[in-house]
Amino acid sequence: MRTDTVLKVEAIDLLIKTFGVLETERFITSIKSNNFDYTEWHRELWKDKTIDEIHKMAVEFENKKYNNV
């Protein structure tokens, strides 16, 4: 299992690779400044998806990740 520090560093690296430095900073700032509630956000994020749809999306993401390596 990764330490909290390693997890944070890897997450920031992934955000920067995906969105770039500026958009990553905007994302972090928006979370910090808006009393971001991760649990509520997560609840809303998947509310219209079935477990099968979420699973399919996860499998597709994983396959894409390994095919792009």
N, C-alpha and C. Protein backbone atom coordinates (compact mmCIF):
# COMPACT_ATOMS: atom_id res chain seq x y z
N MET A 1 0.85 -1.18 0.00
CA MET A 1 0.00 0.00 0.00
C MET A 1 0.90 1.24 0.00
N ARG A 2 0.50 2.23 -0.78
CA ARG A 2 1.26 3.49 -0.85
C ARG A 2 1.05 4.32 0.41
N THR A 3 2.06 5.10 0.76
CA THR A 3 1.88 6.05 1.86
C THR A 3 1.01 7.20 1.36
N ASP A 4 0.50 7.99 2.28
CA ASP A 4 -0.31 9.16 1.90
C ASP A 4 0.50 10.12 1.02
N THR A 5 1.76 10.30 1.37
CA THR A 5 2.60 11.23 0.60
C THR A 5 2.80 10.73 -0.83
N VAL A 6 3.10 9.47 -0.98
CA VAL A 6 3.30 8.90 -2.32
C VAL A 6 2.00 9.00 -3.11
N LEU A 7 0.89 8.69 -2.49
CA LEU A 7 -0.41 8.78 -3.15
C LEU A 7 -0.68 10.20 -3.65
N LYS A 8 -0.40 11.19 -2.81
CA LYS A 8 -0.63 12.59 -3.20
C LYS A 8 0.27 12.99 -4.36
N VAL A 9 1.53 12.61 -4.30
CA VAL A 9 2.46 12.95 -5.37
C VAL A 9 2.02 12.31 -6.69
N GLU A 10 1.67 11.04 -6.64
CA GLU A 10 1.23 10.35 -7.85
C GLU A 10 -0.06 10.96 -8.41
N ALA A 11 -0.97 11.35 -7.52
CA ALA A 11 -2.23 11.96 -7.95
C ALA A 11 -1.98 13.31 -8.62
N ILE A 12 -1.12 14.12 -8.03
CA ILE A 12 -0.79 15.42 -8.62
C ILE A 12 -0.12 15.23 -9.98
N ASP A 13 0.81 14.28 -10.06
CA ASP A 13 1.47 13.99 -11.34
C ASP A 13 0.46 13.60 -12.40
N LEU A 14 -0.49 12.75 -12.02
CA LEU A 14 -1.52 12.32 -12.96
C LEU A 14 -2.39 13.50 -13.41
N LEU A 15 -2.78 14.34 -12.46
CA LEU A 15 -3.58 15.52 -12.81
C LEU A 15 -2.81 16.43 -13.77
N ILE A 16 -1.55 16.65 -13.50
CA ILE A 16 -0.75 17.53 -14.36
C ILE A 16 -0.61 16.92 -15.75
N LYS A 17 -0.37 15.62 -15.84
CA LYS A 17 -0.26 14.96 -17.15
C LYS A 17 -1.57 15.05 -17.92
N THR A 18 -2.69 14.99 -17.21
CA THR A 18 -3.99 14.99 -17.85
C THR A 18 -4.47 16.39 -18.19
N PHE A 19 -4.31 17.33 -17.26
CA PHE A 19 -4.89 18.66 -17.43
C PHE A 19 -3.88 19.78 -17.62
N GLY A 20 -2.62 19.52 -17.29
CA GLY A 20 -1.62 20.58 -17.32
C GLY A 20 -1.57 21.26 -15.96
N VAL A 21 -0.53 22.07 -15.78
CA VAL A 21 -0.29 22.71 -14.48
C VAL A 21 -1.41 23.69 -14.12
N LEU A 22 -1.79 24.55 -15.05
CA LEU A 22 -2.79 25.57 -14.76
C LEU A 22 -4.14 24.97 -14.36
N GLU A 23 -4.61 24.02 -15.14
CA GLU A 23 -5.91 23.41 -14.83
C GLU A 23 -5.85 22.60 -13.53
N THR A 24 -4.72 21.99 -13.24
CA THR A 24 -4.55 21.27 -11.98
C THR A 24 -4.64 22.24 -10.80
N GLU A 25 -3.97 23.39 -10.93
CA GLU A 25 -4.05 24.41 -9.88
C GLU A 25 -5.48 24.89 -9.69
N ARG A 26 -6.18 25.11 -10.78
CA ARG A 26 -7.59 25.54 -10.69
C ARG A 26 -8.43 24.49 -9.97
N PHE A 27 -8.20 23.23 -10.31
CA PHE A 27 -8.94 22.13 -9.69
C PHE A 27 -8.70 22.09 -8.18
N ILE A 28 -7.44 22.13 -7.79
CA ILE A 28 -7.10 22.08 -6.36
C ILE A 28 -7.67 23.29 -5.63
N THR A 29 -7.56 24.46 -6.23
CA THR A 29 -8.09 25.68 -5.61
C THR A 29 -9.61 25.58 -5.44
N SER A 30 -10.29 25.06 -6.45
CA SER A 30 -11.75 24.96 -6.35
C SER A 30 -12.17 24.01 -5.24
N ILE A 31 -11.42 22.94 -5.05
CA ILE A 31 -11.74 22.00 -3.97
C ILE A 31 -11.49 22.65 -2.61
N LYS A 32 -10.38 23.33 -2.47
CA LYS A 32 -10.02 23.93 -1.19
C LYS A 32 -10.92 25.11 -0.83
N SER A 33 -11.35 25.88 -1.81
CA SER A 33 -12.07 27.11 -1.51
C SER A 33 -13.59 26.95 -1.40
N ASN A 34 -14.11 25.84 -1.83
CA ASN A 34 -15.56 25.67 -1.85
C ASN A 34 -16.07 24.67 -0.82
N ASN A 35 -15.29 24.40 0.21
CA ASN A 35 -15.69 23.39 1.20
C ASN A 35 -16.16 22.13 0.50
N PHE A 36 -15.32 21.63 -0.38
CA PHE A 36 -15.62 20.48 -1.21
C PHE A 36 -15.96 19.27 -0.35
N ASP A 37 -17.09 18.66 -0.62
CA ASP A 37 -17.52 17.46 0.08
C ASP A 37 -17.37 16.28 -0.88
N TYR A 38 -16.26 15.55 -0.74
CA TYR A 38 -15.97 14.45 -1.66
C TYR A 38 -17.08 13.41 -1.67
N THR A 39 -17.61 13.09 -0.50
CA THR A 39 -18.64 12.06 -0.41
C THR A 39 -19.88 12.47 -1.20
N GLU A 40 -20.31 13.71 -1.03
CA GLU A 40 -21.48 14.19 -1.75
C GLU A 40 -21.20 14.26 -3.25
N TRP A 41 -20.03 14.75 -3.62
CA TRP A 41 -19.65 14.82 -5.04
C TRP A 41 -19.67 13.43 -5.66
N HIS A 42 -19.11 12.47 -4.95
CA HIS A 42 -19.05 11.11 -5.46
C HIS A 42 -20.45 10.52 -5.61
N ARG A 43 -21.31 10.82 -4.66
CA ARG A 43 -22.70 10.35 -4.71
C ARG A 43 -23.40 10.89 -5.96
N GLU A 44 -23.21 12.17 -6.23
CA GLU A 44 -23.83 12.81 -7.39
C GLU A 44 -23.21 12.36 -8.71
N LEU A 45 -21.91 12.10 -8.69
CA LEU A 45 -21.19 11.75 -9.91
C LEU A 45 -21.77 10.50 -10.57
N TRP A 46 -22.11 9.52 -9.80
CA TRP A 46 -22.54 8.23 -10.33
C TRP A 46 -24.03 7.96 -10.13
N LYS A 47 -24.81 8.94 -9.77
CA LYS A 47 -26.21 8.69 -9.41
C LYS A 47 -27.05 8.14 -10.56
N ASP A 48 -26.71 8.45 -11.80
CA ASP A 48 -27.49 7.99 -12.94
C ASP A 48 -26.90 6.75 -13.61
N LYS A 49 -25.91 6.13 -12.97
CA LYS A 49 -25.25 4.96 -13.54
C LYS A 49 -25.56 3.72 -12.72
N THR A 50 -25.73 2.60 -13.43
CA THR A 50 -25.88 1.33 -12.73
C THR A 50 -24.50 0.79 -12.40
N ILE A 51 -24.45 -0.20 -11.53
CA ILE A 51 -23.17 -0.80 -11.18
C ILE A 51 -22.54 -1.44 -12.41
N ASP A 52 -23.36 -2.00 -13.30
CA ASP A 52 -22.82 -2.60 -14.52
C ASP A 52 -22.20 -1.54 -15.44
N GLU A 53 -22.82 -0.37 -15.54
CA GLU A 53 -22.27 0.71 -16.36
C GLU A 53 -20.95 1.21 -15.79
N ILE A 54 -20.89 1.35 -14.48
CA ILE A 54 -19.66 1.81 -13.83
C ILE A 54 -18.56 0.77 -14.04
N HIS A 55 -18.90 -0.49 -13.89
CA HIS A 55 -17.92 -1.56 -14.11
C HIS A 55 -17.40 -1.53 -15.55
N LYS A 56 -18.29 -1.39 -16.50
CA LYS A 56 -17.89 -1.34 -17.91
C LYS A 56 -16.95 -0.16 -18.17
N MET A 57 -17.26 1.00 -17.59
CA MET A 57 -16.40 2.18 -17.74
C MET A 57 -15.02 1.92 -17.13
N ALA A 58 -14.99 1.26 -15.99
CA ALA A 58 -13.71 0.97 -15.33
C ALA A 58 -12.88 0.01 -16.17
N VAL A 59 -13.51 -1.01 -16.72
CA VAL A 59 -12.80 -1.97 -17.56
C VAL A 59 -12.26 -1.28 -18.80
N GLU A 60 -13.08 -0.45 -19.44
CA GLU A 60 -12.63 0.28 -20.63
C GLU A 60 -11.47 1.21 -20.30
N PHE A 61 -11.55 1.88 -19.17
CA PHE A 61 -10.46 2.77 -18.75
C PHE A 61 -9.18 1.97 -18.54
N GLU A 62 -9.29 0.86 -17.86
CA GLU A 62 -8.12 0.03 -17.57
C GLU A 62 -7.52 -0.51 -18.87
N ASN A 63 -8.36 -0.96 -19.78
CA ASN A 63 -7.86 -1.47 -21.06
C ASN A 63 -7.18 -0.37 -21.86
N LYS A 64 -7.76 0.81 -21.86
CA LYS A 64 -7.17 1.93 -22.59
C LYS A 64 -5.82 2.31 -21.98
N LYS A 65 -5.76 2.31 -20.66
CA LYS A 65 -4.52 2.66 -19.96
C LYS A 65 -3.39 1.72 -20.37
N TYR A 66 -3.68 0.43 -20.41
CA TYR A 66 -2.63 -0.54 -20.73
C TYR A 66 -2.33 -0.59 -22.22
N ASN A 67 -3.27 -0.25 -23.06
CA ASN A 67 -3.03 -0.24 -24.49
C ASN A 67 -2.22 0.97 -24.92
N ASN A 68 -2.21 2.04 -24.12
CA ASN A 68 -1.47 3.25 -24.45
C ASN A 68 -0.05 3.24 -23.90
N VAL A 69 0.33 2.19 -23.20
CA VAL A 69 1.68 2.13 -22.60
C VAL A 69 2.69 1.74 -23.64
